Amino acid sequence: MKNIAMKKPTLKTFIPLSAVAAVFGLAASSAHAQPVFNYNFPASWNGFGTSGAVVTDQSSAGNNATTTPGLALATAVPSWATAGTESVSTVSSGMYTSNTKLLNNAAVWGAGGFTYNLSFMWNGAFSSSFSGIQKLIDYAGTESLQIVATSGNSATLEMTFTGDTDTSSGQVSTTILPNTWYNVTMAFDALTQTGATNQDVTGVAGLEVNGSWASVAPATKGTYGDTLARPIGVGSFGYPSATLIEFKGDIYNPSVSLGAVTVPVPEPSTLALGALGGLGMMMLRRRKS
């Protein structure tokens, strides 16, 4: 199988400094959020168990998904769940948006970024296959919110970004424990476009876990995912008709939107601008709204 970007990323964890945020302000806010999809259960459930069952998008975007065999509802939900709702078990299956290129760079830039949100509980299962990676939300095998588990004691929750080739790296990360519910928002706040041809989008990525910013760092979304014409995967690799590196656990209310919440400024030394003054210039450079 060619062009499947699943290499073990190089982890880089950055903690935001409140003093820096106070001096330079926060990253530029995005335009109004536009839903890409919102799956919640049992409302999105259409009788799982067979390949190709429909997962109904509950947002106005209408981006339904299809499943691989084995997807099932689960009664386990986080303490903050709405009464009567359920999660979905992705231990042996996943779901894939029917439409592709939903987070293409032109759309991400126009909306000011993108955001992943979900709650999840990892069951502690792990494998050496695919370097221990398990996918939570994955755009085309490139921009991926995932865990890396090589033991059942703990795992690394990370967000990877991919350049203009199939080289991926983890930009923001933190540690999670098994059998514990987490509510996670990964926001990418787009600040600049670079590259005369490729039009990469550069900005700030932030990983918010249970209401606190766990990791913030600069990130660049390359164009490789756009060239693959692949869907967004939930609980599995974003590649159609493939059952790969499923998340071993339960997922509650996964959603993706174009546009990003404001992300705190990361530590200046991580921005690779060469000098602190470069950070100030970067934050003052505003896009059209």
Protein backbone atom coordinates (compact mmCIF):
# COMPACT_ATOMS: atom_id res chain seq x y z
CA MET A 1 0.00 0.00 0.00
CA LYS A 2 1.60 3.26 -1.10
CA ASN A 3 1.63 6.77 0.31
CA ILE A 4 0.42 5.88 3.79
CA ALA A 5 1.96 8.39 6.19
CA MET A 6 2.22 6.58 9.50
CA LYS A 7 5.85 6.99 10.49
CA LYS A 8 6.63 7.24 14.19
CA PRO A 9 6.79 10.99 14.86
CA THR A 10 9.51 12.79 16.70
CA LEU A 11 7.88 14.16 19.84
CA LYS A 12 8.22 17.78 20.85
CA THR A 13 6.35 18.98 23.92
CA PHE A 14 6.07 22.69 24.70
CA ILE A 15 4.42 24.36 27.67
CA PRO A 16 3.06 27.91 27.16
CA LEU A 17 4.50 30.71 29.29
CA SER A 18 1.87 33.04 30.71
CA ALA A 19 4.41 35.87 30.93
CA VAL A 20 5.02 35.70 27.19
CA ALA A 21 1.29 35.66 26.49
CA ALA A 22 0.88 38.73 28.66
CA VAL A 23 3.53 40.65 26.70
CA PHE A 24 2.56 39.69 23.19
CA GLY A 25 -1.13 38.95 23.57
CA LEU A 26 -2.82 35.88 22.17
CA ALA A 27 -2.62 34.42 18.70
CA ALA A 28 -4.96 35.94 16.17
CA SER A 29 -8.52 34.66 16.51
CA SER A 30 -10.02 32.84 13.57
CA ALA A 31 -13.08 33.57 11.56
CA HIS A 32 -16.40 32.11 12.66
CA ALA A 33 -16.18 28.34 13.07
CA GLN A 34 -17.65 26.24 10.26
CA PRO A 35 -18.63 22.65 11.10
CA VAL A 36 -17.03 19.83 9.15
CA PHE A 37 -18.85 17.10 11.05
CA ASN A 38 -20.29 16.29 14.46
CA TYR A 39 -21.04 12.65 15.25
CA ASN A 40 -22.85 11.82 18.46
CA PHE A 41 -24.55 8.67 19.56
CA PRO A 42 -27.05 7.14 19.41
CA ALA A 43 -28.30 9.97 17.14
CA SER A 44 -25.69 9.17 14.46
CA TRP A 45 -26.19 5.42 14.75
CA ASN A 46 -27.72 3.58 11.80
CA GLY A 47 -27.20 -0.04 12.75
CA PHE A 48 -23.47 -0.78 12.82
CA GLY A 49 -21.89 -4.18 12.31
CA THR A 50 -21.48 -4.29 8.57
CA SER A 51 -19.07 -2.51 6.30
CA GLY A 52 -20.45 0.69 4.83
CA ALA A 53 -23.04 1.45 7.51
CA VAL A 54 -23.84 5.16 7.60
CA VAL A 55 -22.84 7.46 10.46
CA THR A 56 -25.09 10.51 10.22
CA ASP A 57 -23.52 13.93 10.67
CA GLN A 58 -25.50 15.93 13.24
CA SER A 59 -24.04 19.26 12.08
CA SER A 60 -25.27 21.47 9.24
CA ALA A 61 -22.34 20.34 7.06
CA GLY A 62 -23.96 17.01 6.21
CA ASN A 63 -20.67 15.12 6.03
CA ASN A 64 -21.82 11.59 6.83
CA ALA A 65 -19.33 8.79 7.38
CA THR A 66 -19.27 5.06 6.62
CA THR A 67 -17.90 2.27 8.78
CA THR A 68 -15.77 -0.81 8.60
CA PRO A 69 -17.19 -3.99 10.25
CA GLY A 70 -17.23 -4.15 14.03
CA LEU A 71 -18.06 -0.61 15.08
CA ALA A 72 -20.37 -0.73 18.10
CA LEU A 73 -22.11 1.52 20.58
CA ALA A 74 -20.83 1.57 24.17
CA THR A 75 -22.68 2.55 27.32
CA ALA A 76 -19.49 3.87 28.94
CA VAL A 77 -19.52 7.67 28.79
CA PRO A 78 -17.62 10.47 30.55
CA SER A 79 -19.08 12.11 33.64
CA TRP A 80 -19.88 15.24 31.59
CA ALA A 81 -21.93 13.31 29.01
CA THR A 82 -25.50 14.32 28.26
CA ALA A 83 -28.05 11.94 29.78
CA GLY A 84 -29.15 9.23 27.36
CA THR A 85 -26.12 9.51 25.08
CA GLU A 86 -23.55 6.82 24.33
CA SER A 87 -20.02 6.51 23.04
CA VAL A 88 -18.73 4.35 20.19
CA SER A 89 -16.20 1.54 20.57
CA THR A 90 -13.47 1.61 17.91
CA VAL A 91 -11.48 -1.36 19.22
CA SER A 92 -11.80 -3.25 15.92
CA SER A 93 -13.24 -0.71 13.51
CA GLY A 94 -13.47 2.94 12.54
CA MET A 95 -15.47 5.42 10.49
CA TYR A 96 -14.52 7.52 7.46
CA THR A 97 -16.09 10.65 6.00
CA SER A 98 -17.64 10.04 2.61
CA ASN A 99 -16.21 13.32 1.31
CA THR A 100 -12.48 13.90 0.93
CA LYS A 101 -10.11 16.88 1.22
CA LEU A 102 -12.30 18.37 3.95
CA LEU A 103 -9.29 20.07 5.58
CA ASN A 104 -7.54 21.23 2.44
CA ASN A 105 -5.14 24.13 2.92
CA ALA A 106 -7.24 26.67 1.06
CA ALA A 107 -10.21 25.98 3.34
CA VAL A 108 -8.05 25.97 6.48
CA TRP A 109 -6.47 29.29 5.55
CA GLY A 110 -9.78 30.87 4.63
CA ALA A 111 -11.33 29.89 7.98
CA GLY A 112 -8.30 30.79 10.07
CA GLY A 113 -7.41 27.25 11.15
CA PHE A 114 -9.15 24.05 12.19
CA THR A 115 -10.21 22.29 15.39
CA TYR A 116 -10.61 18.68 16.51
CA ASN A 117 -12.70 17.89 19.58
CA LEU A 118 -13.74 14.66 21.31
CA SER A 119 -13.78 12.82 24.59
CA PHE A 120 -12.11 9.42 24.78
CA MET A 121 -11.07 6.62 27.11
CA TRP A 122 -8.15 4.38 26.17
CA ASN A 123 -8.57 0.79 27.42
CA GLY A 124 -4.83 0.17 27.91
CA ALA A 125 -4.39 -2.15 24.92
CA PHE A 126 -1.18 -1.65 22.98
CA SER A 127 0.84 -3.19 20.18
CA SER A 128 4.27 -2.80 18.62
CA SER A 129 2.62 -2.64 15.19
CA PHE A 130 2.77 0.78 13.53
CA SER A 131 5.11 1.96 16.31
CA GLY A 132 2.29 1.81 18.84
CA ILE A 133 0.18 4.46 17.09
CA GLN A 134 -3.60 4.48 17.53
CA LYS A 135 -5.67 7.07 15.66
CA LEU A 136 -8.35 9.27 17.23
CA ILE A 137 -9.07 11.77 14.42
CA ASP A 138 -6.95 11.56 11.30
CA TYR A 139 -7.03 13.71 8.15
CA ALA A 140 -5.83 11.62 5.19
CA GLY A 141 -3.08 10.00 7.27
CA THR A 142 -1.40 13.37 7.75
CA GLU A 143 -2.77 15.81 10.37
CA SER A 144 -3.56 13.32 13.12
CA LEU A 145 -4.71 13.42 16.72
CA GLN A 146 -3.47 10.07 18.04
CA ILE A 147 -1.96 8.18 20.93
CA VAL A 148 1.33 6.30 20.96
CA ALA A 149 1.16 3.33 23.34
CA THR A 150 4.02 0.88 23.80
CA SER A 151 2.82 -0.36 27.20
CA GLY A 152 -0.46 -0.50 29.05
CA ASN A 153 0.69 1.86 31.81
CA SER A 154 0.52 5.16 29.95
CA ALA A 155 0.49 6.60 26.44
CA THR A 156 1.44 9.80 24.65
CA LEU A 157 -1.41 11.88 23.26
CA GLU A 158 -0.11 13.95 20.36
CA MET A 159 -1.05 15.96 17.29
CA THR A 160 1.07 15.42 14.19
CA PHE A 161 1.44 17.70 11.18
CA THR A 162 2.78 16.66 7.78
CA GLY A 163 4.84 18.71 5.33
CA ASP A 164 4.71 18.71 1.54
CA THR A 165 6.06 15.15 1.52
CA ASP A 166 5.00 12.25 3.73
CA THR A 167 7.19 13.35 6.64
CA SER A 168 5.16 13.79 9.83
CA SER A 169 6.16 15.08 13.24
CA GLY A 170 4.39 15.44 16.56
CA GLN A 171 4.09 19.12 17.44
CA VAL A 172 2.09 19.06 20.68
CA SER A 173 1.82 16.20 23.15
CA THR A 174 1.08 15.12 26.70
CA THR A 175 0.80 11.91 28.73
CA ILE A 176 -2.48 10.06 29.34
CA LEU A 177 -3.46 7.07 31.49
CA PRO A 178 -5.60 4.03 30.65
CA ASN A 179 -9.25 3.70 31.67
CA THR A 180 -9.54 7.46 32.17
CA TRP A 181 -11.83 9.81 30.30
CA TYR A 182 -10.28 12.88 28.67
CA ASN A 183 -11.94 15.76 26.88
CA VAL A 184 -9.55 17.07 24.24
CA THR A 185 -9.54 20.03 21.89
CA MET A 186 -6.74 20.37 19.35
CA ALA A 187 -6.79 23.80 17.75
CA PHE A 188 -4.57 25.02 14.91
CA ASP A 189 -4.65 28.82 14.66
CA ALA A 190 -3.49 29.77 11.15
CA LEU A 191 -1.28 32.88 10.99
CA THR A 192 0.59 32.95 7.69
CA GLN A 193 0.72 31.33 4.26
CA THR A 194 4.12 30.37 2.86
CA GLY A 195 5.36 28.97 -0.44
CA ALA A 196 4.61 30.46 -3.84
CA THR A 197 3.25 27.15 -5.13
CA ASN A 198 2.48 24.93 -2.17
CA GLN A 199 0.81 27.54 0.04
CA ASP A 200 1.65 25.83 3.31
CA VAL A 201 -0.21 27.21 6.31
CA THR A 202 1.83 28.10 9.38
CA GLY A 203 0.46 28.94 12.79
CA VAL A 204 0.16 27.81 16.40
CA ALA A 205 -1.16 24.42 17.53
CA GLY A 206 -2.56 23.91 20.99
CA LEU A 207 -3.64 20.79 22.84
CA GLU A 208 -6.26 21.51 25.50
CA VAL A 209 -6.96 18.59 27.85
CA ASN A 210 -9.80 18.72 30.39
CA GLY A 211 -9.98 22.48 30.15
CA SER A 212 -6.25 23.31 30.44
CA TRP A 213 -3.63 23.93 27.77
CA ALA A 214 -1.29 20.96 28.07
CA SER A 215 0.96 21.76 25.11
CA VAL A 216 1.36 24.64 22.63
CA ALA A 217 3.84 24.97 19.75
CA PRO A 218 4.27 26.41 16.26
CA ALA A 219 3.18 24.09 13.46
CA THR A 220 2.97 24.04 9.68
CA LYS A 221 0.30 22.21 7.70
CA GLY A 222 1.81 21.15 4.39
CA THR A 223 -0.07 20.17 1.26
CA TYR A 224 0.64 16.43 1.21
CA GLY A 225 -2.74 15.47 2.66
CA ASP A 226 -4.51 17.50 -0.01
CA THR A 227 -2.84 15.52 -2.80
CA LEU A 228 -4.13 12.18 -1.49
CA ALA A 229 -7.90 12.81 -1.85
CA ARG A 230 -8.58 10.89 1.36
CA PRO A 231 -11.27 11.22 4.05
CA ILE A 232 -11.06 12.03 7.74
CA GLY A 233 -10.95 8.90 9.87
CA VAL A 234 -12.39 8.67 13.38
CA GLY A 235 -10.93 5.89 15.51
CA SER A 236 -8.81 4.70 12.61
CA PHE A 237 -6.38 5.76 9.89
CA GLY A 238 -7.82 8.22 7.35
CA TYR A 239 -7.67 5.87 4.38
CA PRO A 240 -10.78 4.43 2.71
CA SER A 241 -11.50 0.70 2.84
CA ALA A 242 -8.58 0.06 5.19
CA THR A 243 -8.77 -1.11 8.79
CA LEU A 244 -5.55 0.25 10.24
CA ILE A 245 -4.28 1.36 13.64
CA GLU A 246 -7.65 1.69 15.33
CA PHE A 247 -7.99 3.45 18.65
CA LYS A 248 -8.39 0.87 21.39
CA GLY A 249 -11.15 2.32 23.48
CA ASP A 250 -14.30 4.45 23.43
CA ILE A 251 -14.86 7.78 21.69
CA TYR A 252 -17.58 10.25 22.66
CA ASN A 253 -18.90 13.10 20.46
CA PRO A 254 -16.09 13.49 17.90
CA SER A 255 -16.26 16.68 15.85
CA VAL A 256 -14.12 18.67 13.44
CA SER A 257 -14.57 22.28 12.39
CA LEU A 258 -12.84 24.86 10.26
CA GLY A 259 -11.72 27.80 12.35
CA ALA A 260 -9.84 27.64 15.64
CA VAL A 261 -10.23 28.87 19.17
CA THR A 262 -7.53 31.30 20.28
CA VAL A 263 -4.34 29.44 21.18
CA PRO A 264 -1.87 30.88 23.73
CA VAL A 265 1.48 32.02 22.39
CA PRO A 266 4.12 29.28 22.84
CA GLU A 267 7.53 29.82 24.33
CA PRO A 268 9.45 32.16 21.95
CA SER A 269 12.51 29.89 21.71
CA THR A 270 10.37 27.23 20.02
CA LEU A 271 9.24 29.46 17.19
CA ALA A 272 12.53 29.20 15.29
CA LEU A 273 12.31 32.85 14.25
CA GLY A 274 15.85 33.58 15.26
CA ALA A 275 15.00 36.33 17.74
CA LEU A 276 12.30 37.35 20.19
CA GLY A 277 11.50 40.36 18.04
CA GLY A 278 10.39 38.03 15.28
CA LEU A 279 7.61 36.75 17.50
CA GLY A 280 6.22 40.21 17.94
CA MET A 281 6.20 40.77 14.19
CA MET A 282 4.53 37.42 13.62
CA MET A 283 1.74 38.16 16.07
CA LEU A 284 1.14 41.60 14.57
CA ARG A 285 0.74 40.22 11.08
CA ARG A 286 -3.01 39.86 10.71
CA ARG A 287 -4.90 38.09 7.99
CA LYS A 288 -8.08 39.25 6.38
CA SER A 289 -11.12 38.14 8.38
